[in-house]
PDB file of N, CA and C in Angstrom:
ATOM      1  N   GLU A   1       0.843  -1.190   0.000  1.00  0.00           N
ATOM      2  CA  GLU A   1       0.000   0.000   0.000  1.00  0.00           C
ATOM      3  C   GLU A   1       0.884   1.249   0.000  1.00  0.00           C
ATOM      4  N   VAL A   2       0.594   2.143  -0.939  1.00  0.00           N
ATOM      5  CA  VAL A   2       1.338   3.398  -1.026  1.00  0.00           C
ATOM      6  C   VAL A   2       0.854   4.363   0.055  1.00  0.00           C
ATOM      7  N   GLU A   3       1.807   4.946   0.740  1.00  0.00           N
ATOM      8  CA  GLU A   3       1.462   5.934   1.756  1.00  0.00           C
ATOM      9  C   GLU A   3       2.460   7.085   1.735  1.00  0.00           C
ATOM     10  N   LEU A   4       1.957   8.286   1.959  1.00  0.00           N
ATOM     11  CA  LEU A   4       2.761   9.453   2.262  1.00  0.00           C
ATOM     12  C   LEU A   4       2.215   9.977   3.588  1.00  0.00           C
ATOM     13  N   VAL A   5       3.031   9.894   4.604  1.00  0.00           N
ATOM     14  CA  VAL A   5       2.577  10.281   5.936  1.00  0.00           C
ATOM     15  C   VAL A   5       3.299  11.552   6.356  1.00  0.00           C
ATOM     16  N   GLN A   6       2.534  12.566   6.614  1.00  0.00           N
ATOM     17  CA  GLN A   6       3.090  13.858   6.954  1.00  0.00           C
ATOM     18  C   GLN A   6       3.120  14.075   8.462  1.00  0.00           C
ATOM     19  N   SER A   7       4.100  14.840   8.895  1.00  0.00           N
ATOM     20  CA  SER A   7       4.174  15.259  10.279  1.00  0.00           C
ATOM     21  C   SER A   7       4.772  16.662  10.325  1.00  0.00           C
ATOM     22  N   GLY A   8       4.644  17.259  11.481  1.00  0.00           N
ATOM     23  CA  GLY A   8       5.092  18.636  11.627  1.00  0.00           C
ATOM     24  C   GLY A   8       3.899  19.566  11.508  1.00  0.00           C
ATOM     25  N   GLY A   9       4.137  20.808  11.315  1.00  0.00           N
ATOM     26  CA  GLY A   9       3.054  21.771  11.234  1.00  0.00           C
ATOM     27  C   GLY A   9       2.659  22.258  12.613  1.00  0.00           C
ATOM     28  N   GLY A  10       1.619  23.092  12.636  1.00  0.00           N
ATOM     29  CA  GLY A  10       1.145  23.632  13.890  1.00  0.00           C
ATOM     30  C   GLY A  10       1.000  25.133  13.848  1.00  0.00           C
ATOM     31  N   LEU A  11       1.007  25.723  15.017  1.00  0.00           N
ATOM     32  CA  LEU A  11       0.815  27.166  15.173  1.00  0.00           C
ATOM     33  C   LEU A  11       2.152  27.831  15.488  1.00  0.00           C
ATOM     34  N   VAL A  12       2.444  28.895  14.770  1.00  0.00           N
ATOM     35  CA  VAL A  12       3.695  29.606  14.986  1.00  0.00           C
ATOM     36  C   VAL A  12       3.456  31.097  14.790  1.00  0.00           C
ATOM     37  N   GLN A  13       4.216  31.895  15.461  1.00  0.00           N
ATOM     38  CA  GLN A  13       4.104  33.339  15.268  1.00  0.00           C
ATOM     39  C   GLN A  13       4.823  33.760  13.999  1.00  0.00           C
ATOM     40  N   ALA A  14       4.396  34.867  13.444  1.00  0.00           N
ATOM     41  CA  ALA A  14       5.062  35.404  12.265  1.00  0.00           C
ATOM     42  C   ALA A  14       6.548  35.604  12.556  1.00  0.00           C
ATOM     43  N   GLY A  15       7.348  35.210  11.585  1.00  0.00           N
ATOM     44  CA  GLY A  15       8.792  35.266  11.765  1.00  0.00           C
ATOM     45  C   GLY A  15       9.387  33.977  12.286  1.00  0.00           C
ATOM     46  N   GLY A  16       8.523  33.061  12.704  1.00  0.00           N
ATOM     47  CA  GLY A  16       8.987  31.790  13.235  1.00  0.00           C
ATOM     48  C   GLY A  16       9.287  30.769  12.163  1.00  0.00           C
ATOM     49  N   SER A  17       9.620  29.563  12.611  1.00  0.00           N
ATOM     50  CA  SER A  17      10.038  28.500  11.701  1.00  0.00           C
ATOM     51  C   SER A  17       9.284  27.214  11.994  1.00  0.00           C
ATOM     52  N   LEU A  18       9.149  26.405  10.975  1.00  0.00           N
ATOM     53  CA  LEU A  18       8.573  25.069  11.103  1.00  0.00           C
ATOM     54  C   LEU A  18       9.248  24.142  10.107  1.00  0.00           C
ATOM     55  N   LYS A  19       9.213  22.863  10.408  1.00  0.00           N
ATOM     56  CA  LYS A  19       9.735  21.868   9.481  1.00  0.00           C
ATOM     57  C   LYS A  19       8.680  20.789   9.301  1.00  0.00           C
ATOM     58  N   LEU A  20       8.298  20.575   8.071  1.00  0.00           N
ATOM     59  CA  LEU A  20       7.340  19.526   7.748  1.00  0.00           C
ATOM     60  C   LEU A  20       8.079  18.309   7.215  1.00  0.00           C
ATOM     61  N   THR A  21       7.555  17.141   7.536  1.00  0.00           N
ATOM     62  CA  THR A  21       8.149  15.878   7.109  1.00  0.00           C
ATOM     63  C   THR A  21       7.121  15.062   6.345  1.00  0.00           C
ATOM     64  N   CYS A  22       7.593  14.407   5.312  1.00  0.00           N
ATOM     65  CA  CYS A  22       6.735  13.560   4.488  1.00  0.00           C
ATOM     66  C   CYS A  22       7.458  12.231   4.292  1.00  0.00           C
ATOM     67  N   ALA A  23       6.946  11.184   4.893  1.00  0.00           N
ATOM     68  CA  ALA A  23       7.570   9.866   4.821  1.00  0.00           C
ATOM     69  C   ALA A  23       6.792   8.987   3.853  1.00  0.00           C
ATOM     70  N   GLY A  24       7.491   8.448   2.869  1.00  0.00           N
ATOM     71  CA  GLY A  24       6.848   7.628   1.859  1.00  0.00           C
ATOM     72  C   GLY A  24       7.099   6.153   2.079  1.00  0.00           C
ATOM     73  N   SER A  25       6.148   5.334   1.661  1.00  0.00           N
ATOM     74  CA  SER A  25       6.307   3.890   1.708  1.00  0.00           C
ATOM     75  C   SER A  25       5.423   3.256   0.647  1.00  0.00           C
ATOM     76  N   GLY A  26       5.771   2.021   0.265  1.00  0.00           N
ATOM     77  CA  GLY A  26       4.953   1.301  -0.701  1.00  0.00           C
ATOM     78  C   GLY A  26       5.250   1.614  -2.146  1.00  0.00           C
ATOM     79  N   PHE A  27       6.277   2.400  -2.416  1.00  0.00           N
ATOM     80  CA  PHE A  27       6.691   2.694  -3.781  1.00  0.00           C
ATOM     81  C   PHE A  27       8.194   2.968  -3.779  1.00  0.00           C
ATOM     82  N   THR A  28       8.795   2.995  -4.980  1.00  0.00           N
ATOM     83  CA  THR A  28      10.237   3.212  -5.080  1.00  0.00           C
ATOM     84  C   THR A  28      10.515   4.702  -4.925  1.00  0.00           C
ATOM     85  N   PHE A  29      10.671   5.109  -3.692  1.00  0.00           N
ATOM     86  CA  PHE A  29      10.748   6.518  -3.321  1.00  0.00           C
ATOM     87  C   PHE A  29      11.759   7.288  -4.157  1.00  0.00           C
ATOM     88  N   HIS A  30      12.955   6.702  -4.365  1.00  0.00           N
ATOM     89  CA  HIS A  30      14.021   7.448  -5.027  1.00  0.00           C
ATOM     90  C   HIS A  30      13.719   7.702  -6.504  1.00  0.00           C
ATOM     91  N   ASP A  31      12.736   7.013  -7.057  1.00  0.00           N
ATOM     92  CA  ASP A  31      12.360   7.225  -8.451  1.00  0.00           C
ATOM     93  C   ASP A  31      11.333   8.339  -8.630  1.00  0.00           C
ATOM     94  N   TYR A  32      10.874   8.896  -7.545  1.00  0.00           N
ATOM     95  CA  TYR A  32       9.785   9.860  -7.595  1.00  0.00           C
ATOM     96  C   TYR A  32      10.222  11.262  -7.200  1.00  0.00           C
ATOM     97  N   ALA A  33       9.618  12.224  -7.850  1.00  0.00           N
ATOM     98  CA  ALA A  33       9.693  13.606  -7.386  1.00  0.00           C
ATOM     99  C   ALA A  33       8.694  13.783  -6.254  1.00  0.00           C
ATOM    100  N   ILE A  34       9.072  14.598  -5.303  1.00  0.00           N
ATOM    101  CA  ILE A  34       8.168  14.908  -4.198  1.00  0.00           C
ATOM    102  C   ILE A  34       7.917  16.411  -4.192  1.00  0.00           C
ATOM    103  N   GLY A  35       6.670  16.757  -4.268  1.00  0.00           N
ATOM    104  CA  GLY A  35       6.289  18.160  -4.257  1.00  0.00           C
ATOM    105  C   GLY A  35       5.539  18.513  -2.989  1.00  0.00           C
ATOM    106  N   TRP A  36       5.653  19.763  -2.617  1.00  0.00           N
ATOM    107  CA  TRP A  36       4.868  20.300  -1.505  1.00  0.00           C
ATOM    108  C   TRP A  36       3.884  21.315  -2.083  1.00  0.00           C
ATOM    109  N   PHE A  37       2.654  21.211  -1.630  1.00  0.00           N
ATOM    110  CA  PHE A  37       1.582  22.086  -2.061  1.00  0.00           C
ATOM    111  C   PHE A  37       0.902  22.659  -0.823  1.00  0.00           C
ATOM    112  N   ARG A  38       0.169  23.740  -1.028  1.00  0.00           N
ATOM    113  CA  ARG A  38      -0.575  24.287   0.109  1.00  0.00           C
ATOM    114  C   ARG A  38      -1.896  24.869  -0.384  1.00  0.00           C
ATOM    115  N   GLN A  39      -2.837  24.905   0.537  1.00  0.00           N
ATOM    116  CA  GLN A  39      -4.132  25.490   0.234  1.00  0.00           C
ATOM    117  C   GLN A  39      -4.531  26.403   1.375  1.00  0.00           C
ATOM    118  N   ALA A  40      -4.602  27.678   1.079  1.00  0.00           N
ATOM    119  CA  ALA A  40      -5.017  28.659   2.068  1.00  0.00           C
ATOM    120  C   ALA A  40      -6.536  28.709   2.113  1.00  0.00           C
ATOM    121  N   PRO A  41      -7.087  29.170   3.208  1.00  0.00           N
ATOM    122  CA  PRO A  41      -8.546  29.254   3.323  1.00  0.00           C
ATOM    123  C   PRO A  41      -9.147  30.079   2.186  1.00  0.00           C
ATOM    124  N   GLY A  42     -10.111  29.487   1.505  1.00  0.00           N
ATOM    125  CA  GLY A  42     -10.799  30.198   0.435  1.00  0.00           C
ATOM    126  C   GLY A  42     -10.030  30.319  -0.860  1.00  0.00           C
ATOM    127  N   LYS A  43      -8.877  29.654  -0.933  1.00  0.00           N
ATOM    128  CA  LYS A  43      -8.053  29.762  -2.144  1.00  0.00           C
ATOM    129  C   LYS A  43      -7.812  28.383  -2.742  1.00  0.00           C
ATOM    130  N   GLU A  44      -7.378  28.397  -3.980  1.00  0.00           N
ATOM    131  CA  GLU A  44      -7.056  27.133  -4.627  1.00  0.00           C
ATOM    132  C   GLU A  44      -5.697  26.632  -4.143  1.00  0.00           C
ATOM    133  N   ARG A  45      -5.520  25.339  -4.279  1.00  0.00           N
ATOM    134  CA  ARG A  45      -4.236  24.753  -3.922  1.00  0.00           C
ATOM    135  C   ARG A  45      -3.155  25.246  -4.870  1.00  0.00           C
ATOM    136  N   GLU A  46      -1.975  25.527  -4.321  1.00  0.00           N
ATOM    137  CA  GLU A  46      -0.866  25.979  -5.142  1.00  0.00           C
ATOM    138  C   GLU A  46       0.381  25.165  -4.844  1.00  0.00           C
ATOM    139  N   GLY A  47       1.226  25.048  -5.830  1.00  0.00           N
ATOM    140  CA  GLY A  47       2.501  24.389  -5.636  1.00  0.00           C
ATOM    141  C   GLY A  47       3.455  25.293  -4.891  1.00  0.00           C
ATOM    142  N   VAL A  48       4.274  24.701  -4.060  1.00  0.00           N
ATOM    143  CA  VAL A  48       5.254  25.453  -3.281  1.00  0.00           C
ATOM    144  C   VAL A  48       6.664  25.134  -3.780  1.00  0.00           C
ATOM    145  N   LEU A  49       7.120  23.941  -3.531  1.00  0.00           N
ATOM    146  CA  LEU A  49       8.440  23.494  -3.944  1.00  0.00           C
ATOM    147  C   LEU A  49       8.354  22.028  -4.331  1.00  0.00           C
ATOM    148  N   CYS A  50       9.313  21.624  -5.153  1.00  0.00           N
ATOM    149  CA  CYS A  50       9.391  20.209  -5.521  1.00  0.00           C
ATOM    150  C   CYS A  50      10.856  19.827  -5.654  1.00  0.00           C
ATOM    151  N   ILE A  51      11.150  18.584  -5.321  1.00  0.00           N
ATOM    152  CA  ILE A  51      12.487  18.038  -5.544  1.00  0.00           C
ATOM    153  C   ILE A  51      12.319  16.792  -6.401  1.00  0.00           C
ATOM    154  N   SER A  52      13.033  16.748  -7.501  1.00  0.00           N
ATOM    155  CA  SER A  52      12.880  15.638  -8.435  1.00  0.00           C
ATOM    156  C   SER A  52      13.657  14.414  -7.976  1.00  0.00           C
ATOM    157  N   ASN A  53      13.540  13.355  -8.760  1.00  0.00           N
ATOM    158  CA  ASN A  53      14.262  12.131  -8.407  1.00  0.00           C
ATOM    159  C   ASN A  53      15.768  12.303  -8.563  1.00  0.00           C
ATOM    160  N   SER A  54      16.195  13.309  -9.281  1.00  0.00           N
ATOM    161  CA  SER A  54      17.628  13.589  -9.426  1.00  0.00           C
ATOM    162  C   SER A  54      18.039  14.815  -8.610  1.00  0.00           C
ATOM    163  N   ASP A  55      17.227  15.176  -7.639  1.00  0.00           N
ATOM    164  CA  ASP A  55      17.490  16.268  -6.700  1.00  0.00           C
ATOM    165  C   ASP A  55      17.410  17.654  -7.322  1.00  0.00           C
ATOM    166  N   GLY A  56      16.830  17.746  -8.507  1.00  0.00           N
ATOM    167  CA  GLY A  56      16.556  19.064  -9.050  1.00  0.00           C
ATOM    168  C   GLY A  56      15.429  19.705  -8.268  1.00  0.00           C
ATOM    169  N   ILE A  57      15.541  21.010  -8.028  1.00  0.00           N
ATOM    170  CA  ILE A  57      14.536  21.695  -7.221  1.00  0.00           C
ATOM    171  C   ILE A  57      13.789  22.699  -8.070  1.00  0.00           C
ATOM    172  N   ILE A  58      12.480  22.656  -7.945  1.00  0.00           N
ATOM    173  CA  ILE A  58      11.614  23.591  -8.644  1.00  0.00           C
ATOM    174  C   ILE A  58      10.883  24.432  -7.616  1.00  0.00           C
ATOM    175  N   GLU A  59      10.950  25.726  -7.781  1.00  0.00           N
ATOM    176  CA  GLU A  59      10.196  26.638  -6.921  1.00  0.00           C
ATOM    177  C   GLU A  59       8.935  27.058  -7.657  1.00  0.00           C
ATOM    178  N   PHE A  60       7.807  26.570  -7.206  1.00  0.00           N
ATOM    179  CA  PHE A  60       6.544  26.904  -7.847  1.00  0.00           C
ATOM    180  C   PHE A  60       6.012  28.259  -7.387  1.00  0.00           C
ATOM    181  N   ALA A  61       6.346  28.626  -6.165  1.00  0.00           N
ATOM    182  CA  ALA A  61       5.799  29.847  -5.583  1.00  0.00           C
ATOM    183  C   ALA A  61       6.921  30.841  -5.320  1.00  0.00           C
ATOM    184  N   ASP A  62       6.877  31.982  -5.981  1.00  0.00           N
ATOM    185  CA  ASP A  62       7.898  33.013  -5.769  1.00  0.00           C
ATOM    186  C   ASP A  62       7.886  33.530  -4.341  1.00  0.00           C
ATOM    187  N   SER A  63       6.743  33.485  -3.704  1.00  0.00           N
ATOM    188  CA  SER A  63       6.594  34.066  -2.368  1.00  0.00           C
ATOM    189  C   SER A  63       7.415  33.347  -1.309  1.00  0.00           C
ATOM    190  N   VAL A  64       7.859  32.131  -1.603  1.00  0.00           N
ATOM    191  CA  VAL A  64       8.620  31.383  -0.590  1.00  0.00           C
ATOM    192  C   VAL A  64      10.118  31.436  -0.843  1.00  0.00           C
ATOM    193  N   LYS A  65      10.499  32.102  -1.901  1.00  0.00           N
ATOM    194  CA  LYS A  65      11.910  32.164  -2.274  1.00  0.00           C
ATOM    195  C   LYS A  65      12.743  32.722  -1.128  1.00  0.00           C
ATOM    196  N   GLY A  66      13.802  32.027  -0.792  1.00  0.00           N
ATOM    197  CA  GLY A  66      14.682  32.477   0.280  1.00  0.00           C
ATOM    198  C   GLY A  66      14.195  32.142   1.674  1.00  0.00           C
ATOM    199  N   ARG A  67      12.975  31.618   1.775  1.00  0.00           N
ATOM    200  CA  ARG A  67      12.429  31.288   3.094  1.00  0.00           C
ATOM    201  C   ARG A  67      12.159  29.791   3.265  1.00  0.00           C
ATOM    202  N   PHE A  68      11.776  29.129   2.233  1.00  0.00           N
ATOM    203  CA  PHE A  68      11.461  27.694   2.294  1.00  0.00           C
ATOM    204  C   PHE A  68      12.534  26.910   1.538  1.00  0.00           C
ATOM    205  N   THR A  69      12.885  25.771   2.071  1.00  0.00           N
ATOM    206  CA  THR A  69      13.793  24.859   1.369  1.00  0.00           C
ATOM    207  C   THR A  69      13.231  23.446   1.415  1.00  0.00           C
ATOM    208  N   ILE A  70      13.553  22.696   0.409  1.00  0.00           N
ATOM    209  CA  ILE A  70      13.105  21.309   0.322  1.00  0.00           C
ATOM    210  C   ILE A  70      14.326  20.415   0.247  1.00  0.00           C
ATOM    211  N   SER A  71      14.225  19.266   0.867  1.00  0.00           N
ATOM    212  CA  SER A  71      15.319  18.304   0.816  1.00  0.00           C
ATOM    213  C   SER A  71      14.730  16.907   0.921  1.00  0.00           C
ATOM    214  N   ARG A  72      15.549  15.928   0.593  1.00  0.00           N
ATOM    215  CA  ARG A  72      15.086  14.550   0.685  1.00  0.00           C
ATOM    216  C   ARG A  72      16.209  13.665   1.191  1.00  0.00           C
ATOM    217  N   ASP A  73      15.800  12.600   1.854  1.00  0.00           N
ATOM    218  CA  ASP A  73      16.727  11.575   2.334  1.00  0.00           C
ATOM    219  C   ASP A  73      16.182  10.253   1.809  1.00  0.00           C
ATOM    220  N   ASN A  74      16.725   9.785   0.715  1.00  0.00           N
ATOM    221  CA  ASN A  74      16.192   8.566   0.100  1.00  0.00           C
ATOM    222  C   ASN A  74      16.372   7.345   0.993  1.00  0.00           C
ATOM    223  N   ALA A  75      17.418   7.334   1.792  1.00  0.00           N
ATOM    224  CA  ALA A  75      17.630   6.203   2.695  1.00  0.00           C
ATOM    225  C   ALA A  75      16.494   6.106   3.709  1.00  0.00           C
ATOM    226  N   LYS A  76      15.940   7.237   4.071  1.00  0.00           N
ATOM    227  CA  LYS A  76      14.829   7.266   5.021  1.00  0.00           C
ATOM    228  C   LYS A  76      13.484   7.414   4.313  1.00  0.00           C
ATOM    229  N   THR A  77      13.502   7.446   3.006  1.00  0.00           N
ATOM    230  CA  THR A  77      12.296   7.670   2.176  1.00  0.00           C
ATOM    231  C   THR A  77      11.473   8.830   2.728  1.00  0.00           C
ATOM    232  N   THR A  78      12.154   9.925   2.961  1.00  0.00           N
ATOM    233  CA  THR A  78      11.529  11.078   3.598  1.00  0.00           C
ATOM    234  C   THR A  78      11.935  12.360   2.883  1.00  0.00           C
ATOM    235  N   THR A  79      10.994  13.264   2.796  1.00  0.00           N
ATOM    236  CA  THR A  79      11.240  14.586   2.265  1.00  0.00           C
ATOM    237  C   THR A  79      10.886  15.611   3.330  1.00  0.00           C
ATOM    238  N   TYR A  80      11.633  16.712   3.316  1.00  0.00           N
ATOM    239  CA  TYR A  80      11.441  17.734   4.329  1.00  0.00           C
ATOM    240  C   TYR A  80      11.143  19.080   3.666  1.00  0.00           C
ATOM    241  N   LEU A  81      10.294  19.832   4.313  1.00  0.00           N
ATOM    242  CA  LEU A  81      10.059  21.216   3.905  1.00  0.00           C
ATOM    243  C   LEU A  81      10.384  22.075   5.111  1.00  0.00           C
ATOM    244  N   THR A  82      11.484  22.823   4.999  1.00  0.00           N
ATOM    245  CA  THR A  82      11.926  23.681   6.085  1.00  0.00           C
ATOM    246  C   THR A  82      11.491  25.102   5.775  1.00  0.00           C
ATOM    247  N   MET A  83      10.784  25.686   6.705  1.00  0.00           N
ATOM    248  CA  MET A  83      10.200  27.007   6.486  1.00  0.00           C
ATOM    249  C   MET A  83      10.693  27.962   7.565  1.00  0.00           C
ATOM    250  N   ILE A  84      11.277  29.053   7.143  1.00  0.00           N
ATOM    251  CA  ILE A  84      11.721  30.078   8.086  1.00  0.00           C
ATOM    252  C   ILE A  84      11.030  31.385   7.751  1.00  0.00           C
ATOM    253  N   ASN A  85      11.110  32.312   8.707  1.00  0.00           N
ATOM    254  CA  ASN A  85      10.500  33.626   8.518  1.00  0.00           C
ATOM    255  C   ASN A  85       9.066  33.498   7.986  1.00  0.00           C
ATOM    256  N   LEU A  86       8.310  32.683   8.664  1.00  0.00           N
ATOM    257  CA  LEU A  86       6.942  32.437   8.219  1.00  0.00           C
ATOM    258  C   LEU A  86       6.098  33.703   8.329  1.00  0.00           C
ATOM    259  N   GLN A  87       5.215  33.870   7.369  1.00  0.00           N
ATOM    260  CA  GLN A  87       4.334  35.023   7.311  1.00  0.00           C
ATOM    261  C   GLN A  87       2.876  34.558   7.430  1.00  0.00           C
ATOM    262  N   ILE A  88       2.009  35.472   7.786  1.00  0.00           N
ATOM    263  CA  ILE A  88       0.601  35.137   7.963  1.00  0.00           C
ATOM    264  C   ILE A  88       0.028  34.523   6.692  1.00  0.00           C
ATOM    265  N   GLU A  89       0.472  34.999   5.557  1.00  0.00           N
ATOM    266  CA  GLU A  89      -0.049  34.478   4.293  1.00  0.00           C
ATOM    267  C   GLU A  89       0.442  33.065   3.980  1.00  0.00           C
ATOM    268  N   ASP A  90       1.334  32.540   4.793  1.00  0.00           N
ATOM    269  CA  ASP A  90       1.763  31.141   4.624  1.00  0.00           C
ATOM    270  C   ASP A  90       0.788  30.177   5.287  1.00  0.00           C
ATOM    271  N   THR A  91      -0.182  30.691   5.994  1.00  0.00           N
ATOM    272  CA  THR A  91      -1.171  29.846   6.647  1.00  0.00           C
ATOM    273  C   THR A  91      -1.933  29.009   5.634  1.00  0.00           C
ATOM    274  N   GLY A  92      -2.131  27.754   5.978  1.00  0.00           N
ATOM    275  CA  GLY A  92      -2.890  26.870   5.110  1.00  0.00           C
ATOM    276  C   GLY A  92      -2.637  25.423   5.438  1.00  0.00           C
ATOM    277  N   VAL A  93      -3.266  24.558   4.676  1.00  0.00           N
ATOM    278  CA  VAL A  93      -3.015  23.125   4.797  1.00  0.00           C
ATOM    279  C   VAL A  93      -1.951  22.762   3.767  1.00  0.00           C
ATOM    280  N   TYR A  94      -0.916  22.108   4.238  1.00  0.00           N
ATOM    281  CA  TYR A  94       0.211  21.737   3.391  1.00  0.00           C
ATOM    282  C   TYR A  94       0.131  20.243   3.083  1.00  0.00           C
ATOM    283  N   TYR A  95       0.375  19.929   1.820  1.00  0.00           N
ATOM    284  CA  TYR A  95       0.336  18.553   1.357  1.00  0.00           C
ATOM    285  C   TYR A  95       1.645  18.207   0.659  1.00  0.00           C
ATOM    286  N   CYS A  96       2.108  16.987   0.859  1.00  0.00           N
ATOM    287  CA  CYS A  96       3.174  16.477   0.012  1.00  0.00           C
ATOM    288  C   CYS A  96       2.550  15.498  -0.986  1.00  0.00           C
ATOM    289  N   ALA A  97       3.214  15.350  -2.106  1.00  0.00           N
ATOM    290  CA  ALA A  97       2.696  14.483  -3.149  1.00  0.00           C
ATOM    291  C   ALA A  97       3.858  13.930  -3.957  1.00  0.00           C
ATOM    292  N   ALA A  98       3.653  12.782  -4.565  1.00  0.00           N
ATOM    293  CA  ALA A  98       4.704  12.111  -5.325  1.00  0.00           C
ATOM    294  C   ALA A  98       4.326  11.990  -6.786  1.00  0.00           C
ATOM    295  N   ALA A  99       5.292  12.270  -7.658  1.00  0.00           N
ATOM    296  CA  ALA A  99       5.116  12.136  -9.099  1.00  0.00           C
ATOM    297  C   ALA A  99       6.286  11.350  -9.652  1.00  0.00           C
ATOM    298  N   PRO A 100       6.080  10.556 -10.688  1.00  0.00           N
ATOM    299  CA  PRO A 100       7.164   9.739 -11.224  1.00  0.00           C
ATOM    300  C   PRO A 100       8.252  10.573 -11.881  1.00  0.00           C
ATOM    301  N   GLY A 101       9.413  10.665 -11.256  1.00  0.00           N
ATOM    302  CA  GLY A 101      10.572  11.303 -11.848  1.00  0.00           C
ATOM    303  C   GLY A 101      10.595  12.810 -11.759  1.00  0.00           C
ATOM    304  N   SER A 102       9.874  13.451 -12.652  1.00  0.00           N
ATOM    305  CA  SER A 102       9.918  14.900 -12.791  1.00  0.00           C
ATOM    306  C   SER A 102       8.865  15.598 -11.950  1.00  0.00           C
ATOM    307  N   CYS A 103       9.199  16.830 -11.563  1.00  0.00           N
ATOM    308  CA  CYS A 103       8.235  17.640 -10.810  1.00  0.00           C
ATOM    309  C   CYS A 103       7.048  18.070 -11.668  1.00  0.00           C
ATOM    310  N   TYR A 104       7.143  17.873 -12.973  1.00  0.00           N
ATOM    311  CA  TYR A 104       6.076  18.306 -13.860  1.00  0.00           C
ATOM    312  C   TYR A 104       5.169  17.162 -14.303  1.00  0.00           C
ATOM    313  N   GLU A 105       5.397  15.989 -13.730  1.00  0.00           N
ATOM    314  CA  GLU A 105       4.515  14.860 -14.009  1.00  0.00           C
ATOM    315  C   GLU A 105       3.292  14.916 -13.089  1.00  0.00           C
ATOM    316  N   ALA A 106       2.341  14.045 -13.353  1.00  0.00           N
ATOM    317  CA  ALA A 106       1.128  14.017 -12.533  1.00  0.00           C
ATOM    318  C   ALA A 106       1.428  13.441 -11.151  1.00  0.00           C
ATOM    319  N   TYR A 107       0.880  14.095 -10.147  1.00  0.00           N
ATOM    320  CA  TYR A 107       1.092  13.654  -8.776  1.00  0.00           C
ATOM    321  C   TYR A 107       0.002  12.633  -8.417  1.00  0.00           C
ATOM    322  N   GLY A 108       0.405  11.380  -8.306  1.00  0.00           N
ATOM    323  CA  GLY A 108      -0.580  10.329  -8.084  1.00  0.00           C
ATOM    324  C   GLY A 108      -0.789   9.951  -6.635  1.00  0.00           C
ATOM    325  N   PHE A 109       0.182  10.256  -5.798  1.00  0.00           N
ATOM    326  CA  PHE A 109       0.083   9.904  -4.385  1.00  0.00           C
ATOM    327  C   PHE A 109       0.138  11.178  -3.567  1.00  0.00           C
ATOM    328  N   TRP A 110      -0.728  11.255  -2.569  1.00  0.00           N
ATOM    329  CA  TRP A 110      -0.824  12.464  -1.742  1.00  0.00           C
ATOM    330  C   TRP A 110      -0.794  12.122  -0.264  1.00  0.00           C
ATOM    331  N   GLY A 111      -0.155  13.012   0.501  1.00  0.00           N
ATOM    332  CA  GLY A 111      -0.196  12.900   1.942  1.00  0.00           C
ATOM    333  C   GLY A 111      -1.536  13.380   2.479  1.00  0.00           C
ATOM    334  N   GLN A 112      -1.700  13.234   3.775  1.00  0.00           N
ATOM    335  CA  GLN A 112      -2.981  13.530   4.396  1.00  0.00           C
ATOM    336  C   GLN A 112      -3.183  15.020   4.659  1.00  0.00           C
ATOM    337  N   GLY A 113      -2.137  15.793   4.531  1.00  0.00           N
ATOM    338  CA  GLY A 113      -2.244  17.222   4.791  1.00  0.00           C
ATOM    339  C   GLY A 113      -1.940  17.537   6.239  1.00  0.00           C
ATOM    340  N   THR A 114      -1.336  18.705   6.439  1.00  0.00           N
ATOM    341  CA  THR A 114      -1.049  19.153   7.787  1.00  0.00           C
ATOM    342  C   THR A 114      -1.263  20.665   7.854  1.00  0.00           C
ATOM    343  N   GLN A 115      -1.859  21.110   8.937  1.00  0.00           N
ATOM    344  CA  GLN A 115      -2.205  22.519   9.070  1.00  0.00           C
ATOM    345  C   GLN A 115      -1.004  23.318   9.556  1.00  0.00           C
ATOM    346  N   VAL A 116      -0.767  24.429   8.888  1.00  0.00           N
ATOM    347  CA  VAL A 116       0.215  25.421   9.327  1.00  0.00           C
ATOM    348  C   VAL A 116      -0.543  26.727   9.549  1.00  0.00           C
ATOM    349  N   THR A 117      -0.448  27.236  10.745  1.00  0.00           N
ATOM    350  CA  THR A 117      -1.120  28.494  11.071  1.00  0.00           C
ATOM    351  C   THR A 117      -0.083  29.472  11.591  1.00  0.00           C
ATOM    352  N   VAL A 118      -0.010  30.624  10.932  1.00  0.00           N
ATOM    353  CA  VAL A 118       0.940  31.663  11.326  1.00  0.00           C
ATOM    354  C   VAL A 118       0.139  32.822  11.899  1.00  0.00           C
ATOM    355  N   SER A 119       0.441  33.177  13.125  1.00  0.00           N
ATOM    356  CA  SER A 119      -0.282  34.253  13.802  1.00  0.00           C
ATOM    357  C   SER A 119       0.582  35.512  13.881  1.00  0.00           C
ATOM    358  N   SER A 120      -0.076  36.606  14.085  1.00  0.00           N
ATOM    359  CA  SER A 120       0.651  37.887  14.161  1.00  0.00           C
ATOM    360  C   SER A 120       1.156  38.156  15.566  1.00  0.00           C
TER     361      SER A 120
END
């Protein structure tokens, strides 16, 4: 059974930091790109960052440039989203997802989502 299990998230003040974790199982993790997406209240889901199977990084959202980083540990079949200097507009439900190889392929597996709330 394919699973992406997310952890991390929570409530943080503006300017604070959080680290989200996405642990994959049931598929050949190192062959997949892992993307992070988010959905703010009342808005459509948007892509944030992605790391491909060859460790290429795609920044989907300009707003996170210089503040969010993505990394992966294939030995642990885990991907991380490290977020610093969080802003109120970063609030939302964050999802990780897996796509075969490239960050531009279809994301067939999704994590359960985790809430990130940034307060003033």
